[in-house]
C-alpha atoms as a PDB file:
ATOM      1  CA  UNK A   1     -10.589  12.287  19.740  1.00  0.00           C
ATOM      2  CA  UNK A   2      -7.086  12.697  21.021  1.00  0.00           C
ATOM      3  CA  UNK A   3      -4.158  10.660  19.882  1.00  0.00           C
ATOM      4  CA  UNK A   4      -1.734   9.749  22.624  1.00  0.00           C
ATOM      5  CA  UNK A   5       1.822   9.197  21.608  1.00  0.00           C
ATOM      6  CA  UNK A   6       3.361   6.451  23.664  1.00  0.00           C
ATOM      7  CA  UNK A   7       6.904   6.943  24.781  1.00  0.00           C
ATOM      8  CA  UNK A   8       9.080   4.487  22.972  1.00  0.00           C
ATOM      9  CA  UNK A   9      11.272   2.570  25.394  1.00  0.00           C
ATOM     10  CA  UNK A  10      14.615   1.078  24.429  1.00  0.00           C
ATOM     11  CA  UNK A  11      13.155  -2.414  24.835  1.00  0.00           C
ATOM     12  CA  UNK A  12      10.285  -1.658  22.446  1.00  0.00           C
ATOM     13  CA  UNK A  13      12.615  -0.007  19.971  1.00  0.00           C
ATOM     14  CA  UNK A  14      14.938  -3.031  20.047  1.00  0.00           C
ATOM     15  CA  UNK A  15      12.001  -5.371  19.597  1.00  0.00           C
ATOM     16  CA  UNK A  16      10.754  -3.440  16.576  1.00  0.00           C
ATOM     17  CA  UNK A  17      14.203  -3.334  15.014  1.00  0.00           C
ATOM     18  CA  UNK A  18      14.583  -7.085  15.535  1.00  0.00           C
ATOM     19  CA  UNK A  19      11.222  -7.732  13.895  1.00  0.00           C
ATOM     20  CA  UNK A  20      12.183  -5.544  10.911  1.00  0.00           C
ATOM     21  CA  UNK A  21      15.549  -7.357  10.626  1.00  0.00           C
ATOM     22  CA  UNK A  22      13.895 -10.769  10.647  1.00  0.00           C
ATOM     23  CA  UNK A  23      11.299  -9.606   8.120  1.00  0.00           C
ATOM     24  CA  UNK A  24      14.019  -8.302   5.813  1.00  0.00           C
ATOM     25  CA  UNK A  25      16.027 -11.513   6.092  1.00  0.00           C
ATOM     26  CA  UNK A  26      12.924 -13.571   5.197  1.00  0.00           C
ATOM     27  CA  UNK A  27      12.172 -11.239   2.302  1.00  0.00           C
ATOM     28  CA  UNK A  28      15.674 -11.374   0.849  1.00  0.00           C
ATOM     29  CA  UNK A  29      15.751 -15.167   1.321  1.00  0.00           C
ATOM     30  CA  UNK A  30      12.427 -15.516  -0.581  1.00  0.00           C
ATOM     31  CA  UNK A  31      13.695 -13.269  -3.403  1.00  0.00           C
ATOM     32  CA  UNK A  32      16.833 -15.417  -3.674  1.00  0.00           C
ATOM     33  CA  UNK A  33      14.843 -18.656  -3.397  1.00  0.00           C
ATOM     34  CA  UNK A  34      12.450 -17.646  -6.128  1.00  0.00           C
ATOM     35  CA  UNK A  35      15.297 -16.492  -8.358  1.00  0.00           C
ATOM     36  CA  UNK A  36      14.172 -12.896  -8.748  1.00  0.00           C
ATOM     37  CA  UNK A  37      17.581 -11.412  -9.423  1.00  0.00           C
ATOM     38  CA  UNK A  38      19.582 -12.207  -6.273  1.00  0.00           C
ATOM     39  CA  UNK A  39      21.788 -15.248  -5.832  1.00  0.00           C
ATOM     40  CA  UNK A  40      22.930 -15.735  -2.266  1.00  0.00           C
ATOM     41  CA  UNK A  41      24.820 -18.830  -1.234  1.00  0.00           C
ATOM     42  CA  UNK A  42      24.483 -18.777   2.535  1.00  0.00           C
ATOM     43  CA  UNK A  43      22.606 -17.280   5.443  1.00  0.00           C
ATOM     44  CA  UNK A  44      25.646 -15.143   6.237  1.00  0.00           C
ATOM     45  CA  UNK A  45      25.444 -13.484   2.865  1.00  0.00           C
ATOM     46  CA  UNK A  46      21.772 -12.676   3.459  1.00  0.00           C
ATOM     47  CA  UNK A  47      22.471 -11.282   6.897  1.00  0.00           C
ATOM     48  CA  UNK A  48      25.355  -9.123   5.594  1.00  0.00           C
ATOM     49  CA  UNK A  49      23.184  -7.817   2.729  1.00  0.00           C
ATOM     50  CA  UNK A  50      20.344  -6.882   5.091  1.00  0.00           C
ATOM     51  CA  UNK A  51      22.731  -5.177   7.506  1.00  0.00           C
ATOM     52  CA  UNK A  52      24.390  -3.312   4.616  1.00  0.00           C
ATOM     53  CA  UNK A  53      21.053  -2.107   3.249  1.00  0.00           C
ATOM     54  CA  UNK A  54      19.955  -0.990   6.714  1.00  0.00           C
ATOM     55  CA  UNK A  55      23.211   0.899   7.261  1.00  0.00           C
ATOM     56  CA  UNK A  56      23.033   2.670   3.895  1.00  0.00           C
ATOM     57  CA  UNK A  57      19.390   3.496   4.528  1.00  0.00           C
ATOM     58  CA  UNK A  58      20.116   4.971   7.939  1.00  0.00           C
ATOM     59  CA  UNK A  59      22.886   7.149   6.499  1.00  0.00           C
ATOM     60  CA  UNK A  60      21.280   8.283   3.242  1.00  0.00           C
ATOM     61  CA  UNK A  61      17.672   8.816   4.336  1.00  0.00           C
ATOM     62  CA  UNK A  62      18.332  11.823   6.591  1.00  0.00           C
ATOM     63  CA  UNK A  63      20.633  13.357   3.937  1.00  0.00           C
ATOM     64  CA  UNK A  64      18.078  12.974   1.167  1.00  0.00           C
ATOM     65  CA  UNK A  65      15.300  14.258   3.396  1.00  0.00           C
ATOM     66  CA  UNK A  66      17.356  17.353   4.298  1.00  0.00           C
ATOM     67  CA  UNK A  67      18.016  18.071   0.601  1.00  0.00           C
ATOM     68  CA  UNK A  68      14.512  17.329  -0.746  1.00  0.00           C
ATOM     69  CA  UNK A  69      12.324  18.804   1.992  1.00  0.00           C
ATOM     70  CA  UNK A  70      12.800  22.485   1.119  1.00  0.00           C
ATOM     71  CA  UNK A  71      12.114  21.708  -2.521  1.00  0.00           C
ATOM     72  CA  UNK A  72       8.905  19.806  -1.666  1.00  0.00           C
ATOM     73  CA  UNK A  73       7.701  22.557   0.693  1.00  0.00           C
ATOM     74  CA  UNK A  74       8.298  25.344  -1.862  1.00  0.00           C
ATOM     75  CA  UNK A  75       6.560  23.495  -4.692  1.00  0.00           C
ATOM     76  CA  UNK A  76       3.782  22.048  -2.514  1.00  0.00           C
ATOM     77  CA  UNK A  77       4.766  18.559  -3.757  1.00  0.00           C
ATOM     78  CA  UNK A  78       4.135  19.301  -7.429  1.00  0.00           C
ATOM     79  CA  UNK A  79       7.893  19.368  -8.110  1.00  0.00           C
ATOM     80  CA  UNK A  80       8.189  15.748  -7.014  1.00  0.00           C
ATOM     81  CA  UNK A  81       5.372  14.746  -9.356  1.00  0.00           C
ATOM     82  CA  UNK A  82       7.016  16.622 -12.242  1.00  0.00           C
ATOM     83  CA  UNK A  83      10.411  15.058 -11.589  1.00  0.00           C
ATOM     84  CA  UNK A  84       8.907  11.623 -11.261  1.00  0.00           C
ATOM     85  CA  UNK A  85       6.957  11.840 -14.516  1.00  0.00           C
ATOM     86  CA  UNK A  86       9.716  13.398 -16.548  1.00  0.00           C
ATOM     87  CA  UNK A  87      12.123  10.443 -16.270  1.00  0.00           C
END
């Protein structure tokens, strides 16, 4: 069975990003509404928080992947398990 990778068009990419943004906004709103550690006073605060988290994630994720990948390859993933269990 072959797996065909569809070419991702800009429209599809934008649609997926919009769905993720809306899902994150709903999630942060529910966390604030249920009082699980975040107090946000307005929708603008929620939107800014979601955009900030997305921006930090888009900057840090490639950097952390670049640093951690050689370590994970050399230790066959056991190093990550050791580091996770030692803390």
